[in-house]
Amino acid sequence: MEIRALYDGLVVAWQEGFVQIKVESDNIILIDVVSNEYAVDNNLSEVRLIHTMLVRSWQVRFQHVPREQNNVADCVAKMLIGYLNVKCYLVEPP
């Protein structure tokens, strides 16, 4: 689920015309897999889709944020309690 959210977020950022973004995640394994050469040959279709987004003409930087410091994810999770299949777009992070 988290990997799909990453892909969807990259798609939205690309469609909105961003040329430089920073992705923060508390999932260090996900960051490692998608930000190195493992993404090209990975069996997971989502990882390959993310790789196709990363090779476009823009700059995507990944940063690990410890779970206890990930205020954005915590805020969004609390906002969406009880909702399924809802996308939430924040203009300014909390």
Protein backbone atom coordinates (compact mmCIF):
# COMPACT_ATOMS: atom_id res chain seq x y z
CA MET A 1 0.00 0.00 0.00
CA GLU A 2 2.78 2.44 0.86
CA ILE A 3 4.58 1.72 -2.39
CA ARG A 4 1.41 2.49 -4.35
CA ALA A 5 1.01 5.77 -2.46
CA LEU A 6 4.59 6.68 -3.42
CA TYR A 7 3.87 6.00 -7.09
CA ASP A 8 0.59 7.95 -7.01
CA GLY A 9 2.36 10.88 -5.33
CA LEU A 10 5.07 10.91 -8.00
CA VAL A 11 2.45 10.87 -10.75
CA VAL A 12 0.58 13.81 -9.20
CA ALA A 13 3.80 15.80 -8.71
CA TRP A 14 4.78 15.18 -12.36
CA GLN A 15 1.33 16.12 -13.64
CA GLU A 16 1.42 19.32 -11.57
CA GLY A 17 4.71 20.28 -13.23
CA PHE A 18 7.11 19.96 -10.33
CA VAL A 19 10.74 19.66 -11.45
CA GLN A 20 12.29 19.08 -8.05
CA ILE A 21 10.74 17.20 -5.14
CA LYS A 22 11.81 15.63 -1.88
CA VAL A 23 10.09 12.44 -0.77
CA GLU A 24 10.18 11.78 2.97
CA SER A 25 9.37 8.32 4.27
CA ASP A 26 9.85 6.35 7.43
CA ASN A 27 10.23 3.17 5.35
CA ILE A 28 13.98 2.96 4.80
CA ILE A 29 13.70 -0.33 2.89
CA LEU A 30 11.31 1.22 0.38
CA ILE A 31 13.63 4.19 -0.09
CA ASP A 32 16.59 1.88 -0.62
CA VAL A 33 14.79 -0.29 -3.17
CA VAL A 34 13.38 2.51 -5.32
CA SER A 35 16.38 4.83 -5.21
CA ASN A 36 19.04 2.46 -6.53
CA GLU A 37 19.60 0.01 -9.34
CA TYR A 38 17.36 -2.64 -7.76
CA ALA A 39 14.32 -0.81 -9.15
CA VAL A 40 15.11 -1.63 -12.78
CA ASP A 41 15.10 -5.40 -12.37
CA ASN A 42 12.63 -5.71 -9.51
CA ASN A 43 9.77 -8.19 -9.86
CA LEU A 44 7.25 -5.85 -8.24
CA SER A 45 5.40 -3.92 -10.90
CA GLU A 46 5.02 -0.95 -8.56
CA VAL A 47 8.79 -0.66 -8.16
CA ARG A 48 9.25 -0.72 -11.92
CA LEU A 49 6.54 1.94 -12.31
CA ILE A 50 8.30 4.13 -9.76
CA HIS A 51 11.56 3.67 -11.66
CA THR A 52 9.89 4.89 -14.86
CA MET A 53 8.88 8.04 -12.97
CA LEU A 54 12.35 8.58 -11.52
CA VAL A 55 14.15 8.53 -14.89
CA ARG A 56 12.10 11.45 -16.22
CA SER A 57 13.66 14.88 -16.54
CA TRP A 58 13.21 16.04 -12.97
CA GLN A 59 14.99 15.72 -9.66
CA VAL A 60 13.53 13.41 -7.02
CA ARG A 61 15.37 13.15 -3.72
CA PHE A 62 14.52 10.63 -1.00
CA GLN A 63 15.03 11.21 2.69
CA HIS A 64 14.45 8.81 5.55
CA VAL A 65 12.46 10.31 8.42
CA PRO A 66 12.16 8.24 11.61
CA ARG A 67 8.58 7.19 12.27
CA GLU A 68 8.35 9.16 15.49
CA GLN A 69 9.36 12.33 13.60
CA ASN A 70 7.12 11.80 10.57
CA ASN A 71 4.51 14.44 11.46
CA VAL A 72 3.04 14.65 7.96
CA ALA A 73 2.21 10.95 7.77
CA ASP A 74 0.86 11.01 11.31
CA CYS A 75 -1.38 14.01 10.57
CA VAL A 76 -2.71 12.53 7.32
CA ALA A 77 -3.38 9.17 8.98
CA LYS A 78 -5.37 10.86 11.73
CA MET A 79 -7.31 12.99 9.21
CA LEU A 80 -8.32 9.95 7.18
CA ILE A 81 -9.30 7.56 9.97
CA GLY A 82 -12.36 5.68 8.78
CA TYR A 83 -11.95 6.58 5.11
CA LEU A 84 -10.90 4.04 2.51
CA ASN A 85 -9.51 4.75 -0.97
CA VAL A 86 -9.22 8.48 -0.33
CA LYS A 87 -6.38 10.59 -1.66
CA CYS A 88 -5.30 13.57 0.39
CA TYR A 89 -3.31 16.45 -1.11
CA LEU A 90 -1.65 18.96 1.18
CA VAL A 91 -0.50 22.31 -0.14
CA GLU A 92 1.52 22.98 3.01
CA PRO A 93 2.77 20.21 5.30
CA PRO A 94 1.47 20.29 8.87
